[in-house]
């Protein structure tokens, strides 16, 4: 029995979870059950941060650019839900949804790390 078989639990057989990560300007949604990937390619600049919505259906992603925007997009079909311009300079270093998911907080890459 190898390592992965030893710790595998059958309760996860029908798990609907995805792995979401980014590289350069592309966000990737990986489904481990089907071993398939989908891509969100809405950013024009490098993605610098991701935040998962509390219900796990949406992801917010920020980018590094002179006038960065926040993209909120659907994990299931990789379609944009909302693209919001910001007043940050140089990019966005961190994003977070509020507990009730009504707000998104962003921190800029400027010298004061504006919120």
Protein backbone atom coordinates (compact mmCIF):
# COMPACT_ATOMS: atom_id res chain seq x y z
CA UNK A 1 0.00 0.00 0.00
CA UNK A 2 1.51 3.35 -1.02
CA UNK A 3 1.22 6.66 0.84
CA UNK A 4 -1.80 8.01 -1.08
CA UNK A 5 -3.78 4.79 -0.64
CA UNK A 6 -3.00 4.65 3.06
CA UNK A 7 -4.52 8.10 3.76
CA UNK A 8 -7.32 8.07 1.19
CA UNK A 9 -10.80 8.07 2.71
CA UNK A 10 -13.77 6.87 0.67
CA UNK A 11 -15.93 9.59 2.20
CA UNK A 12 -14.19 11.99 -0.24
CA UNK A 13 -15.11 9.91 -3.28
CA UNK A 14 -17.82 12.34 -4.45
CA UNK A 15 -16.17 15.50 -3.21
CA UNK A 16 -17.04 18.58 -5.30
CA UNK A 17 -14.05 20.68 -4.25
CA UNK A 18 -11.74 22.47 -6.63
CA UNK A 19 -8.23 23.84 -6.30
CA UNK A 20 -7.96 27.48 -7.36
CA UNK A 21 -4.56 29.05 -7.99
CA UNK A 22 -2.93 31.48 -10.39
CA UNK A 23 0.13 31.85 -12.54
CA UNK A 24 0.93 35.13 -14.26
CA UNK A 25 -2.37 36.57 -15.58
CA UNK A 26 -4.31 33.28 -15.64
CA UNK A 27 -6.33 31.78 -12.78
CA UNK A 28 -6.69 27.99 -12.84
CA UNK A 29 -9.51 25.90 -11.39
CA UNK A 30 -8.47 22.27 -11.04
CA UNK A 31 -10.94 19.43 -10.42
CA UNK A 32 -9.04 16.51 -8.84
CA UNK A 33 -11.83 14.00 -9.51
CA UNK A 34 -11.84 14.50 -13.26
CA UNK A 35 -8.20 15.63 -13.49
CA UNK A 36 -9.34 18.61 -15.61
CA UNK A 37 -8.60 22.30 -15.46
CA UNK A 38 -10.54 25.42 -16.42
CA UNK A 39 -9.05 28.88 -16.83
CA UNK A 40 -10.10 32.43 -16.03
CA UNK A 41 -8.26 34.73 -18.43
CA UNK A 42 -9.98 38.06 -17.75
CA UNK A 43 -6.97 39.89 -16.31
CA UNK A 44 -4.72 42.03 -18.50
CA UNK A 45 -1.92 42.11 -15.90
CA UNK A 46 -0.36 39.58 -13.54
CA UNK A 47 -2.65 38.28 -10.80
CA UNK A 48 -1.23 39.06 -7.36
CA UNK A 49 -3.87 37.72 -4.94
CA UNK A 50 -7.03 35.61 -4.61
CA UNK A 51 -9.86 35.52 -2.09
CA UNK A 52 -12.55 32.85 -1.84
CA UNK A 53 -16.14 33.92 -1.29
CA UNK A 54 -17.58 32.46 1.96
CA UNK A 55 -19.98 30.28 -0.07
CA UNK A 56 -17.11 29.05 -2.31
CA UNK A 57 -18.93 29.82 -5.60
CA UNK A 58 -17.00 32.98 -6.37
CA UNK A 59 -13.38 34.08 -6.29
CA UNK A 60 -12.05 37.63 -6.20
CA UNK A 61 -8.68 38.21 -7.85
CA UNK A 62 -6.50 41.31 -7.87
CA UNK A 63 -3.78 42.33 -10.27
CA UNK A 64 -0.55 44.30 -10.48
CA UNK A 65 -0.86 47.35 -12.74
CA UNK A 66 -0.86 51.13 -12.54
CA UNK A 67 -4.68 51.14 -12.31
CA UNK A 68 -5.56 47.66 -11.01
CA UNK A 69 -9.02 46.15 -10.93
CA UNK A 70 -10.68 43.46 -8.85
CA UNK A 71 -12.34 40.63 -10.75
CA UNK A 72 -15.06 38.57 -9.08
CA UNK A 73 -15.71 35.44 -11.10
CA UNK A 74 -17.58 32.13 -10.90
CA UNK A 75 -15.53 29.05 -9.97
CA UNK A 76 -17.83 26.62 -11.78
CA UNK A 77 -17.80 28.17 -15.26
CA UNK A 78 -14.96 30.76 -14.98
CA UNK A 79 -17.24 33.56 -16.14
CA UNK A 80 -16.78 37.08 -14.72
CA UNK A 81 -19.46 38.24 -12.28
CA UNK A 82 -18.15 41.78 -11.68
CA UNK A 83 -15.01 43.70 -12.63
CA UNK A 84 -14.38 46.64 -10.31
CA UNK A 85 -11.87 49.44 -10.89
CA UNK A 86 -9.92 50.60 -7.83
CA UNK A 87 -8.04 53.72 -6.75
CA UNK A 88 -4.95 51.71 -5.79
CA UNK A 89 -1.62 52.44 -7.44
CA UNK A 90 0.79 49.75 -8.66
CA UNK A 91 -1.48 46.81 -7.82
CA UNK A 92 -3.36 44.92 -5.15
CA UNK A 93 -1.46 42.88 -2.58
CA UNK A 94 -4.35 41.34 -0.60
CA UNK A 95 -8.12 40.75 -0.86
CA UNK A 96 -10.66 39.50 1.67
CA UNK A 97 -14.44 39.07 1.75
CA UNK A 98 -16.35 40.22 4.81
CA UNK A 99 -17.96 37.51 6.93
CA UNK A 100 -21.42 38.26 5.51
CA UNK A 101 -19.86 38.48 2.00
CA UNK A 102 -21.34 41.92 1.33
CA UNK A 103 -17.95 43.68 1.12
CA UNK A 104 -14.51 43.10 -0.33
CA UNK A 105 -11.49 44.68 1.33
CA UNK A 106 -8.40 45.31 -0.78
CA UNK A 107 -4.92 46.47 0.16
CA UNK A 108 -2.86 48.30 -2.42
CA UNK A 109 0.82 47.98 -3.29
CA UNK A 110 1.47 51.70 -2.83
CA UNK A 111 3.93 53.05 -0.26
CA UNK A 112 1.18 53.39 2.40
CA UNK A 113 -0.53 50.05 1.66
CA UNK A 114 -3.86 51.84 1.23
CA UNK A 115 -7.10 50.03 2.04
